[in-house]
Amino acid sequence: MPEMPEVEGLAQFLRERAVGRVLTAVEVGAISALKTYSPAPTDLVGRPVAAVVRHGKWLDLTADGDAALHLLVHLARAGWLRWYDTVPATTLRPGRSPIALRVRLDDGAGFDLTEAGTRKRLAIHVVGAPEEVPAVATLGVDPADLTVEGLASLLAARNQQVKGVLRDQSVIAGIGNAYSDEILHVARMSPFAPTRGIDADGVVRLHAAIGDVLGAAVAAAAGRPAAELKDAKRSGMRVHGRAGGPCPVCGDTVREVSFADSALQYCPTCQTGGKVLADRRMSRLLR
């Protein structure tokens, strides 16, 4: 799933290539991905691209006009952006293609929004303001704006596991399953640590880990073509997706806890005092 660093990388990529260009066509390939119908995607046509920004994991392309319109996209788990220096000439038709939306620009370039797999969660909105989308309006603080004091307040206000808080978009916007694993590994903290039990030193470590992990990932994504961002994310992971391999810090075996539709990875030595956490599909946390 694309998270804040990858979406920031995509926003930067599009800013460099699309801002100032005029939208000449917007073709819908998957009606299910389109979550709004008025304004219509075709209402974007003829407008210049004024800006491309990020809201949490949401990509926001602003099309200028008498009243600006926003093409807001959430790539969900299996969505992506495919860039073309020259867009295929064939008109996109709704059907079984993985292409949900095709955008053409006046210089012949453009992009597709695609989604792999059978579980379709890609969300495309055309709105007058980002806040018209409830999931955007309710986003929490951006990690770049999070202070130590702010993080302490967020943790103290909740009685839940720290990994859940990091992934909650209404609390901190932009962190998902992968980067929460990475952050907790760097912070030397169990994913199941209760938020109200994290002391002042732990808050400082966690805050620093958020900044370090996301800062490094954003830097790694900067300037990369859209096609390379997924591989850059995978190659930079310490524990996420590395179950069975050695921890890069201590050499212990990276372990996994599986859930119904996701999994987390962690290092017992670095994060849980050597304790192995039970598979949540089978039993409760080992004590």
C-alpha atoms as a PDB file:
ATOM      1  CA  MET A   1       0.000   0.000   0.000  1.00  0.00           C
ATOM      2  CA  PRO A   2       1.417   3.426  -0.896  1.00  0.00           C
ATOM      3  CA  GLU A   3       2.004   5.472   2.250  1.00  0.00           C
ATOM      4  CA  MET A   4       3.062   9.043   2.885  1.00  0.00           C
ATOM      5  CA  PRO A   5       6.584   8.839   1.385  1.00  0.00           C
ATOM      6  CA  GLU A   6       5.401   7.202  -1.847  1.00  0.00           C
ATOM      7  CA  VAL A   7       2.432   9.550  -2.240  1.00  0.00           C
ATOM      8  CA  GLU A   8       4.754  12.507  -1.592  1.00  0.00           C
ATOM      9  CA  GLY A   9       7.076  11.091  -4.259  1.00  0.00           C
ATOM     10  CA  LEU A  10       4.178  10.819  -6.703  1.00  0.00           C
ATOM     11  CA  ALA A  11       3.062  14.374  -5.904  1.00  0.00           C
ATOM     12  CA  GLN A  12       6.558  15.697  -6.559  1.00  0.00           C
ATOM     13  CA  PHE A  13       6.800  13.652  -9.769  1.00  0.00           C
ATOM     14  CA  LEU A  14       3.509  15.071 -11.063  1.00  0.00           C
ATOM     15  CA  ARG A  15       4.347  18.627 -10.010  1.00  0.00           C
ATOM     16  CA  GLU A  16       7.428  18.532 -12.190  1.00  0.00           C
ATOM     17  CA  ARG A  17       5.560  17.170 -15.206  1.00  0.00           C
ATOM     18  CA  ALA A  18       1.923  18.241 -15.020  1.00  0.00           C
ATOM     19  CA  VAL A  19       1.718  21.683 -13.415  1.00  0.00           C
ATOM     20  CA  GLY A  20       1.064  24.267 -16.117  1.00  0.00           C
ATOM     21  CA  ARG A  21      -0.187  21.664 -18.599  1.00  0.00           C
ATOM     22  CA  VAL A  22      -3.830  21.637 -19.708  1.00  0.00           C
ATOM     23  CA  LEU A  23      -6.022  18.601 -19.152  1.00  0.00           C
ATOM     24  CA  THR A  24      -7.287  17.506 -22.572  1.00  0.00           C
ATOM     25  CA  ALA A  25      -9.135  14.293 -21.638  1.00  0.00           C
ATOM     26  CA  VAL A  26     -10.174  12.344 -18.556  1.00  0.00           C
ATOM     27  CA  GLU A  27     -11.402   8.834 -19.347  1.00  0.00           C
ATOM     28  CA  VAL A  28     -13.043   6.534 -16.788  1.00  0.00           C
ATOM     29  CA  GLY A  29     -12.139   2.858 -16.988  1.00  0.00           C
ATOM     30  CA  ALA A  30     -13.674   1.629 -13.715  1.00  0.00           C
ATOM     31  CA  ILE A  31     -16.953   3.194 -12.635  1.00  0.00           C
ATOM     32  CA  SER A  32     -16.593   1.551  -9.214  1.00  0.00           C
ATOM     33  CA  ALA A  33     -13.500   3.661  -8.443  1.00  0.00           C
ATOM     34  CA  LEU A  34     -15.357   6.937  -9.074  1.00  0.00           C
ATOM     35  CA  LYS A  35     -16.896   8.036  -5.781  1.00  0.00           C
ATOM     36  CA  THR A  36     -18.374  11.347  -6.955  1.00  0.00           C
ATOM     37  CA  TYR A  37     -20.400  12.145 -10.062  1.00  0.00           C
ATOM     38  CA  SER A  38     -20.966  15.904  -9.913  1.00  0.00           C
ATOM     39  CA  PRO A  39     -18.701  17.579 -10.887  1.00  0.00           C
ATOM     40  CA  ALA A  40     -17.975  14.942 -13.514  1.00  0.00           C
ATOM     41  CA  PRO A  41     -14.432  13.899 -14.464  1.00  0.00           C
ATOM     42  CA  THR A  42     -15.008  15.512 -17.855  1.00  0.00           C
ATOM     43  CA  ASP A  43     -15.453  18.861 -16.078  1.00  0.00           C
ATOM     44  CA  LEU A  44     -11.678  18.812 -15.551  1.00  0.00           C
ATOM     45  CA  VAL A  45     -11.061  18.963 -19.304  1.00  0.00           C
ATOM     46  CA  GLY A  46      -9.744  22.272 -20.628  1.00  0.00           C
ATOM     47  CA  ARG A  47      -8.384  23.350 -17.254  1.00  0.00           C
ATOM     48  CA  PRO A  48      -4.685  23.892 -16.491  1.00  0.00           C
ATOM     49  CA  VAL A  49      -3.099  21.931 -13.660  1.00  0.00           C
ATOM     50  CA  ALA A  50      -2.346  24.488 -10.953  1.00  0.00           C
ATOM     51  CA  ALA A  51      -0.874  22.304  -8.203  1.00  0.00           C
ATOM     52  CA  VAL A  52      -0.303  18.756  -7.002  1.00  0.00           C
ATOM     53  CA  VAL A  53      -0.167  18.175  -3.246  1.00  0.00           C
ATOM     54  CA  ARG A  54      -0.622  15.433  -0.676  1.00  0.00           C
ATOM     55  CA  HIS A  55      -3.054  15.043   2.214  1.00  0.00           C
ATOM     56  CA  GLY A  56      -1.945  12.055   4.259  1.00  0.00           C
ATOM     57  CA  LYS A  57      -2.103   9.185   1.741  1.00  0.00           C
ATOM     58  CA  TRP A  58      -4.344  11.199  -0.608  1.00  0.00           C
ATOM     59  CA  LEU A  59      -3.041  12.662  -3.869  1.00  0.00           C
ATOM     60  CA  ASP A  60      -4.626  16.002  -4.842  1.00  0.00           C
ATOM     61  CA  LEU A  61      -4.356  17.441  -8.357  1.00  0.00           C
ATOM     62  CA  THR A  62      -5.839  20.945  -8.572  1.00  0.00           C
ATOM     63  CA  ALA A  63      -7.296  22.036 -11.899  1.00  0.00           C
ATOM     64  CA  ASP A  64      -7.666  25.811 -12.236  1.00  0.00           C
ATOM     65  CA  GLY A  65     -10.712  27.662 -13.529  1.00  0.00           C
ATOM     66  CA  ASP A  66     -13.445  30.075 -12.434  1.00  0.00           C
ATOM     67  CA  ALA A  67     -13.800  27.734  -9.476  1.00  0.00           C
ATOM     68  CA  ALA A  68     -10.974  25.251  -8.963  1.00  0.00           C
ATOM     69  CA  LEU A  69     -11.654  21.542  -9.078  1.00  0.00           C
ATOM     70  CA  HIS A  70      -9.672  18.872  -7.266  1.00  0.00           C
ATOM     71  CA  LEU A  71      -8.959  15.369  -8.531  1.00  0.00           C
ATOM     72  CA  LEU A  72      -8.472  13.515  -5.246  1.00  0.00           C
ATOM     73  CA  VAL A  73      -7.131   9.977  -5.302  1.00  0.00           C
ATOM     74  CA  HIS A  74      -6.611   7.359  -2.612  1.00  0.00           C
ATOM     75  CA  LEU A  75      -4.585   4.484  -4.048  1.00  0.00           C
ATOM     76  CA  ALA A  76      -5.663   2.051  -1.316  1.00  0.00           C
ATOM     77  CA  ARG A  77      -3.806  -1.262  -1.084  1.00  0.00           C
ATOM     78  CA  ALA A  78      -3.240  -2.139  -4.744  1.00  0.00           C
ATOM     79  CA  GLY A  79      -3.577   1.146  -6.613  1.00  0.00           C
ATOM     80  CA  TRP A  80      -0.806   2.952  -8.459  1.00  0.00           C
ATOM     81  CA  LEU A  81      -0.062   5.725 -10.933  1.00  0.00           C
ATOM     82  CA  ARG A  82       1.434   4.798 -14.312  1.00  0.00           C
ATOM     83  CA  TRP A  83       3.034   7.708 -16.161  1.00  0.00           C
ATOM     84  CA  TYR A  84       3.356   8.013 -19.938  1.00  0.00           C
ATOM     85  CA  ASP A  85       5.519  10.494 -21.813  1.00  0.00           C
ATOM     86  CA  THR A  86       3.118   9.719 -24.643  1.00  0.00           C
ATOM     87  CA  VAL A  87      -0.272   8.347 -23.657  1.00  0.00           C
ATOM     88  CA  PRO A  88      -1.594   5.470 -25.810  1.00  0.00           C
ATOM     89  CA  ALA A  89      -3.853   6.825 -28.545  1.00  0.00           C
ATOM     90  CA  THR A  90      -6.606   4.270 -27.961  1.00  0.00           C
ATOM     91  CA  THR A  91      -9.598   5.555 -26.015  1.00  0.00           C
ATOM     92  CA  LEU A  92     -10.032   3.900 -22.632  1.00  0.00           C
ATOM     93  CA  ARG A  93     -13.195   1.823 -22.348  1.00  0.00           C
ATOM     94  CA  PRO A  94     -14.791   0.601 -19.105  1.00  0.00           C
ATOM     95  CA  GLY A  95     -14.235  -3.100 -18.624  1.00  0.00           C
ATOM     96  CA  ARG A  96     -11.881  -5.606 -17.075  1.00  0.00           C
ATOM     97  CA  SER A  97      -8.742  -3.537 -17.526  1.00  0.00           C
ATOM     98  CA  PRO A  98      -6.799  -2.632 -14.362  1.00  0.00           C
ATOM     99  CA  ILE A  99      -6.949   1.000 -15.525  1.00  0.00           C
ATOM    100  CA  ALA A 100      -9.472   2.964 -13.468  1.00  0.00           C
ATOM    101  CA  LEU A 101      -8.806   6.428 -14.916  1.00  0.00           C
ATOM    102  CA  ARG A 102      -6.727   7.876 -17.740  1.00  0.00           C
ATOM    103  CA  VAL A 103      -5.654  11.526 -17.766  1.00  0.00           C
ATOM    104  CA  ARG A 104      -4.269  13.199 -20.902  1.00  0.00           C
ATOM    105  CA  LEU A 105      -2.321  16.460 -21.008  1.00  0.00           C
ATOM    106  CA  ASP A 106      -1.836  18.935 -23.833  1.00  0.00           C
ATOM    107  CA  ASP A 107       1.763  17.888 -24.500  1.00  0.00           C
ATOM    108  CA  GLY A 108       0.739  14.278 -25.184  1.00  0.00           C
ATOM    109  CA  ALA A 109       1.856  13.012 -21.772  1.00  0.00           C
ATOM    110  CA  GLY A 110      -0.411  11.800 -18.998  1.00  0.00           C
ATOM    111  CA  PHE A 111      -1.079   8.989 -16.590  1.00  0.00           C
ATOM    112  CA  ASP A 112      -3.294   6.051 -15.694  1.00  0.00           C
ATOM    113  CA  LEU A 113      -4.599   5.257 -12.247  1.00  0.00           C
ATOM    114  CA  THR A 114      -4.497   1.472 -11.965  1.00  0.00           C
ATOM    115  CA  GLU A 115      -5.541  -1.146  -9.436  1.00  0.00           C
ATOM    116  CA  ALA A 116      -4.437  -4.768  -9.318  1.00  0.00           C
ATOM    117  CA  GLY A 117      -6.310  -7.678  -7.785  1.00  0.00           C
ATOM    118  CA  THR A 118      -9.986  -8.393  -7.256  1.00  0.00           C
ATOM    119  CA  ARG A 119     -10.597  -6.290  -4.125  1.00  0.00           C
ATOM    120  CA  LYS A 120     -11.248  -2.878  -5.618  1.00  0.00           C
ATOM    121  CA  ARG A 121     -10.697  -0.047  -3.117  1.00  0.00           C
ATOM    122  CA  LEU A 122      -9.142   2.667  -5.259  1.00  0.00           C
ATOM    123  CA  ALA A 123     -11.096   5.886  -4.620  1.00  0.00           C
ATOM    124  CA  ILE A 124     -11.335   8.785  -7.076  1.00  0.00           C
ATOM    125  CA  HIS A 125     -13.187  12.008  -6.237  1.00  0.00           C
ATOM    126  CA  VAL A 126     -13.732  15.195  -8.244  1.00  0.00           C
ATOM    127  CA  VAL A 127     -14.679  17.965  -5.813  1.00  0.00           C
ATOM    128  CA  GLY A 128     -14.556  21.707  -5.356  1.00  0.00           C
ATOM    129  CA  ALA A 129     -12.485  21.434  -2.153  1.00  0.00           C
ATOM    130  CA  PRO A 130     -10.575  18.549  -0.523  1.00  0.00           C
ATOM    131  CA  GLU A 131     -12.602  18.928   2.679  1.00  0.00           C
ATOM    132  CA  GLU A 132     -15.702  17.776   0.805  1.00  0.00           C
ATOM    133  CA  VAL A 133     -14.312  14.250   1.112  1.00  0.00           C
ATOM    134  CA  PRO A 134     -14.971  13.116   4.713  1.00  0.00           C
ATOM    135  CA  ALA A 135     -11.844  10.932   4.853  1.00  0.00           C
ATOM    136  CA  VAL A 136      -9.726  13.992   4.004  1.00  0.00           C
ATOM    137  CA  ALA A 137     -11.639  16.357   6.284  1.00  0.00           C
ATOM    138  CA  THR A 138     -11.026  14.069   9.281  1.00  0.00           C
ATOM    139  CA  LEU A 139      -7.310  13.466   8.720  1.00  0.00           C
ATOM    140  CA  GLY A 140      -5.075  13.870  11.740  1.00  0.00           C
ATOM    141  CA  VAL A 141      -1.802  15.731  12.027  1.00  0.00           C
ATOM    142  CA  ASP A 142       0.766  15.308   9.267  1.00  0.00           C
ATOM    143  CA  PRO A 143       3.945  13.616  10.577  1.00  0.00           C
ATOM    144  CA  ALA A 144       5.999  16.603   9.420  1.00  0.00           C
ATOM    145  CA  ASP A 145       4.008  18.817  11.810  1.00  0.00           C
ATOM    146  CA  LEU A 146       4.056  16.454  14.786  1.00  0.00           C
ATOM    147  CA  THR A 147       5.920  17.683  17.872  1.00  0.00           C
ATOM    148  CA  VAL A 148       7.060  15.629  20.847  1.00  0.00           C
ATOM    149  CA  GLU A 149       4.446  17.352  22.994  1.00  0.00           C
ATOM    150  CA  GLY A 150       1.760  16.734  20.410  1.00  0.00           C
ATOM    151  CA  LEU A 151       2.646  13.059  20.168  1.00  0.00           C
ATOM    152  CA  ALA A 152       2.580  12.733  23.955  1.00  0.00           C
ATOM    153  CA  SER A 153      -0.925  14.224  24.019  1.00  0.00           C
ATOM    154  CA  LEU A 154      -2.152  11.925  21.254  1.00  0.00           C
ATOM    155  CA  LEU A 155      -0.834   8.830  23.041  1.00  0.00           C
ATOM    156  CA  ALA A 156      -2.151   9.852  26.453  1.00  0.00           C
ATOM    157  CA  ALA A 157      -5.626  10.497  25.045  1.00  0.00           C
ATOM    158  CA  ARG A 158      -5.983   6.891  23.890  1.00  0.00           C
ATOM    159  CA  ASN A 159      -5.917   3.504  25.565  1.00  0.00           C
ATOM    160  CA  GLN A 160      -4.889   1.235  22.707  1.00  0.00           C
ATOM    161  CA  GLN A 161      -1.891  -0.454  21.128  1.00  0.00           C
ATOM    162  CA  VAL A 162       0.691   1.913  19.728  1.00  0.00           C
ATOM    163  CA  LYS A 163       0.729   0.354  16.266  1.00  0.00           C
ATOM    164  CA  GLY A 164      -2.990   1.002  15.950  1.00  0.00           C
ATOM    165  CA  VAL A 165      -2.509   4.657  16.838  1.00  0.00           C
ATOM    166  CA  LEU A 166       0.266   5.093  14.292  1.00  0.00           C
ATOM    167  CA  ARG A 167      -1.983   3.636  11.575  1.00  0.00           C
ATOM    168  CA  ASP A 168      -5.087   5.609  12.530  1.00  0.00           C
ATOM    169  CA  GLN A 169      -5.431   8.276   9.836  1.00  0.00           C
ATOM    170  CA  SER A 170      -7.615  10.442  12.069  1.00  0.00           C
ATOM    171  CA  VAL A 171      -4.705  10.653  14.534  1.00  0.00           C
ATOM    172  CA  ILE A 172      -1.574  10.818  12.342  1.00  0.00           C
ATOM    173  CA  ALA A 173      -2.105  11.087   8.590  1.00  0.00           C
ATOM    174  CA  GLY A 174       0.042   9.093   6.203  1.00  0.00           C
ATOM    175  CA  ILE A 175       1.506   6.157   8.151  1.00  0.00           C
ATOM    176  CA  GLY A 176       0.344   2.653   7.237  1.00  0.00           C
ATOM    177  CA  ASN A 177       1.243  -0.924   8.055  1.00  0.00           C
ATOM    178  CA  ALA A 178       4.744  -0.932   6.563  1.00  0.00           C
ATOM    179  CA  TYR A 179       6.130   2.285   7.998  1.00  0.00           C
ATOM    180  CA  SER A 180       4.543   1.697  11.406  1.00  0.00           C
ATOM    181  CA  ASP A 181       6.544  -1.558  11.583  1.00  0.00           C
ATOM    182  CA  GLU A 182       9.700   0.327  10.623  1.00  0.00           C
ATOM    183  CA  ILE A 183       9.076   3.160  13.083  1.00  0.00           C
ATOM    184  CA  LEU A 184       8.453   0.807  15.994  1.00  0.00           C
ATOM    185  CA  HIS A 185      11.607  -1.165  15.185  1.00  0.00           C
ATOM    186  CA  VAL A 186      13.717   2.001  15.187  1.00  0.00           C
ATOM    187  CA  ALA A 187      12.004   3.146  18.415  1.00  0.00           C
ATOM    188  CA  ARG A 188      12.700  -0.281  20.013  1.00  0.00           C
ATOM    189  CA  MET A 189       9.042  -0.584  20.950  1.00  0.00           C
ATOM    190  CA  SER A 190       6.558  -3.476  20.856  1.00  0.00           C
ATOM    191  CA  PRO A 191       3.722  -3.001  18.367  1.00  0.00           C
ATOM    192  CA  PHE A 192       1.343  -3.995  21.162  1.00  0.00           C
ATOM    193  CA  ALA A 193       2.674  -1.518  23.743  1.00  0.00           C
ATOM    194  CA  PRO A 194      -0.282   0.291  25.365  1.00  0.00           C
ATOM    195  CA  THR A 195      -0.158   3.991  24.561  1.00  0.00           C
ATOM    196  CA  ARG A 196      -0.750   5.152  28.133  1.00  0.00           C
ATOM    197  CA  GLY A 197       2.155   3.017  29.315  1.00  0.00           C
ATOM    198  CA  ILE A 198       4.728   4.774  27.117  1.00  0.00           C
ATOM    199  CA  ASP A 199       6.922   6.957  29.317  1.00  0.00           C
ATOM    200  CA  ALA A 200       8.531  10.278  28.409  1.00  0.00           C
ATOM    201  CA  ASP A 201      11.679   8.621  27.081  1.00  0.00           C
ATOM    202  CA  GLY A 202       9.574   6.323  24.934  1.00  0.00           C
ATOM    203  CA  VAL A 203       7.648   9.266  23.492  1.00  0.00           C
ATOM    204  CA  VAL A 204      10.920  10.965  22.547  1.00  0.00           C
ATOM    205  CA  ARG A 205      12.225   7.772  20.920  1.00  0.00           C
ATOM    206  CA  LEU A 206       8.998   7.241  19.033  1.00  0.00           C
ATOM    207  CA  HIS A 207       8.888  10.831  17.813  1.00  0.00           C
ATOM    208  CA  ALA A 208      12.486  10.641  16.621  1.00  0.00           C
ATOM    209  CA  ALA A 209      11.795   7.330  14.883  1.00  0.00           C
ATOM    210  CA  ILE A 210       8.796   8.793  13.032  1.00  0.00           C
ATOM    211  CA  GLY A 211      10.936  11.648  11.763  1.00  0.00           C
ATOM    212  CA  ASP A 212      13.932   9.502  10.890  1.00  0.00           C
ATOM    213  CA  VAL A 213      12.065   6.695   9.106  1.00  0.00           C
ATOM    214  CA  LEU A 214       9.697   8.893   7.130  1.00  0.00           C
ATOM    215  CA  GLY A 215      12.368  11.498   6.414  1.00  0.00           C
ATOM    216  CA  ALA A 216      14.682   8.867   4.958  1.00  0.00           C
ATOM    217  CA  ALA A 217      11.866   7.350   2.904  1.00  0.00           C
ATOM    218  CA  VAL A 218      10.779  10.718   1.505  1.00  0.00           C
ATOM    219  CA  ALA A 219      14.397  11.477   0.594  1.00  0.00           C
ATOM    220  CA  ALA A 220      14.723   8.078  -1.109  1.00  0.00           C
ATOM    221  CA  ALA A 221      11.528   8.740  -3.109  1.00  0.00           C
ATOM    222  CA  ALA A 222      12.478  12.268  -4.169  1.00  0.00           C
ATOM    223  CA  GLY A 223      13.321  12.579  -7.833  1.00  0.00           C
ATOM    224  CA  ARG A 224      12.503   8.966  -8.672  1.00  0.00           C
ATOM    225  CA  PRO A 225      10.216   8.082 -11.572  1.00  0.00           C
ATOM    226  CA  ALA A 226       6.828   6.834 -10.448  1.00  0.00           C
ATOM    227  CA  ALA A 227       7.678   3.346 -11.718  1.00  0.00           C
ATOM    228  CA  GLU A 228      10.595   3.051  -9.255  1.00  0.00           C
ATOM    229  CA  LEU A 229       8.872   4.172  -6.056  1.00  0.00           C
ATOM    230  CA  LYS A 230       7.497   0.763  -5.060  1.00  0.00           C
ATOM    231  CA  ASP A 231      10.893  -0.909  -5.352  1.00  0.00           C
ATOM    232  CA  ALA A 232      12.524   1.935  -3.423  1.00  0.00           C
ATOM    233  CA  LYS A 233      10.056   1.378  -0.600  1.00  0.00           C
ATOM    234  CA  ARG A 234      10.635  -2.378  -0.450  1.00  0.00           C
ATOM    235  CA  SER A 235      14.411  -2.106  -0.589  1.00  0.00           C
ATOM    236  CA  GLY A 236      14.497   0.342   2.317  1.00  0.00           C
ATOM    237  CA  MET A 237      12.600  -1.855   4.779  1.00  0.00           C
ATOM    238  CA  ARG A 238      14.402  -3.196   7.850  1.00  0.00           C
ATOM    239  CA  VAL A 239      11.765  -5.562   9.254  1.00  0.00           C
ATOM    240  CA  HIS A 240       8.538  -5.082   7.297  1.00  0.00           C
ATOM    241  CA  GLY A 241       8.216  -7.877   4.771  1.00  0.00           C
ATOM    242  CA  ARG A 242      11.407  -9.465   6.140  1.00  0.00           C
ATOM    243  CA  ALA A 243       9.943 -12.253   8.300  1.00  0.00           C
ATOM    244  CA  GLY A 244      12.416 -15.099   8.658  1.00  0.00           C
ATOM    245  CA  GLY A 245      15.400 -12.943   7.815  1.00  0.00           C
ATOM    246  CA  PRO A 246      17.949 -11.428  10.208  1.00  0.00           C
ATOM    247  CA  CYS A 247      17.323  -8.173  12.021  1.00  0.00           C
ATOM    248  CA  PRO A 248      19.793  -5.629  10.595  1.00  0.00           C
ATOM    249  CA  VAL A 249      20.526  -4.327  14.104  1.00  0.00           C
ATOM    250  CA  CYS A 250      20.978  -7.418  16.302  1.00  0.00           C
ATOM    251  CA  GLY A 251      20.821 -10.394  13.928  1.00  0.00           C
ATOM    252  CA  ASP A 252      17.817 -12.026  15.626  1.00  0.00           C
ATOM    253  CA  THR A 253      15.183 -13.562  13.348  1.00  0.00           C
ATOM    254  CA  VAL A 254      12.470 -11.136  12.256  1.00  0.00           C
ATOM    255  CA  ARG A 255       9.083 -12.512  13.343  1.00  0.00           C
ATOM    256  CA  GLU A 256       5.558 -12.022  12.066  1.00  0.00           C
ATOM    257  CA  VAL A 257       2.094 -11.703  13.572  1.00  0.00           C
ATOM    258  CA  SER A 258      -0.694 -12.420  11.101  1.00  0.00           C
ATOM    259  CA  PHE A 259      -4.215 -11.049  11.176  1.00  0.00           C
ATOM    260  CA  ALA A 260      -7.223 -11.732   8.962  1.00  0.00           C
ATOM    261  CA  ASP A 261      -6.091  -9.487   6.119  1.00  0.00           C
ATOM    262  CA  SER A 262      -2.691  -8.133   7.117  1.00  0.00           C
ATOM    263  CA  ALA A 263       0.488  -8.937   9.035  1.00  0.00           C
ATOM    264  CA  LEU A 264       3.111  -7.093  11.031  1.00  0.00           C
ATOM    265  CA  GLN A 265       6.811  -7.841  11.426  1.00  0.00           C
ATOM    266  CA  TYR A 266       9.096  -7.095  14.367  1.00  0.00           C
ATOM    267  CA  CYS A 267      12.348  -8.111  16.062  1.00  0.00           C
ATOM    268  CA  PRO A 268      11.918  -9.819  19.455  1.00  0.00           C
ATOM    269  CA  THR A 269      15.358  -8.773  20.726  1.00  0.00           C
ATOM    270  CA  CYS A 270      15.013  -5.126  19.715  1.00  0.00           C
ATOM    271  CA  GLN A 271      11.342  -4.629  20.520  1.00  0.00           C
ATOM    272  CA  THR A 272       9.819  -7.118  22.962  1.00  0.00           C
ATOM    273  CA  GLY A 273      12.616  -8.079  25.338  1.00  0.00           C
ATOM    274  CA  GLY A 274      13.076 -11.385  23.533  1.00  0.00           C
ATOM    275  CA  LYS A 275       9.418 -12.423  23.767  1.00  0.00           C
ATOM    276  CA  VAL A 276       7.817 -13.894  20.659  1.00  0.00           C
ATOM    277  CA  LEU A 277       4.333 -12.576  19.977  1.00  0.00           C
ATOM    278  CA  ALA A 278       1.656 -15.126  19.140  1.00  0.00           C
ATOM    279  CA  ASP A 279      -0.103 -15.244  15.789  1.00  0.00           C
ATOM    280  CA  ARG A 280      -3.299 -13.333  16.469  1.00  0.00           C
ATOM    281  CA  ARG A 281      -5.290 -15.674  14.234  1.00  0.00           C
ATOM    282  CA  MET A 282      -4.538 -18.526  16.607  1.00  0.00           C
ATOM    283  CA  SER A 283      -4.132 -17.167  20.125  1.00  0.00           C
ATOM    284  CA  ARG A 284      -3.648 -14.186  22.320  1.00  0.00           C
ATOM    285  CA  LEU A 285      -0.355 -12.410  22.888  1.00  0.00           C
ATOM    286  CA  LEU A 286       2.100 -14.670  24.718  1.00  0.00           C
ATOM    287  CA  ARG A 287       2.837 -13.435  28.182  1.00  0.00           C
END
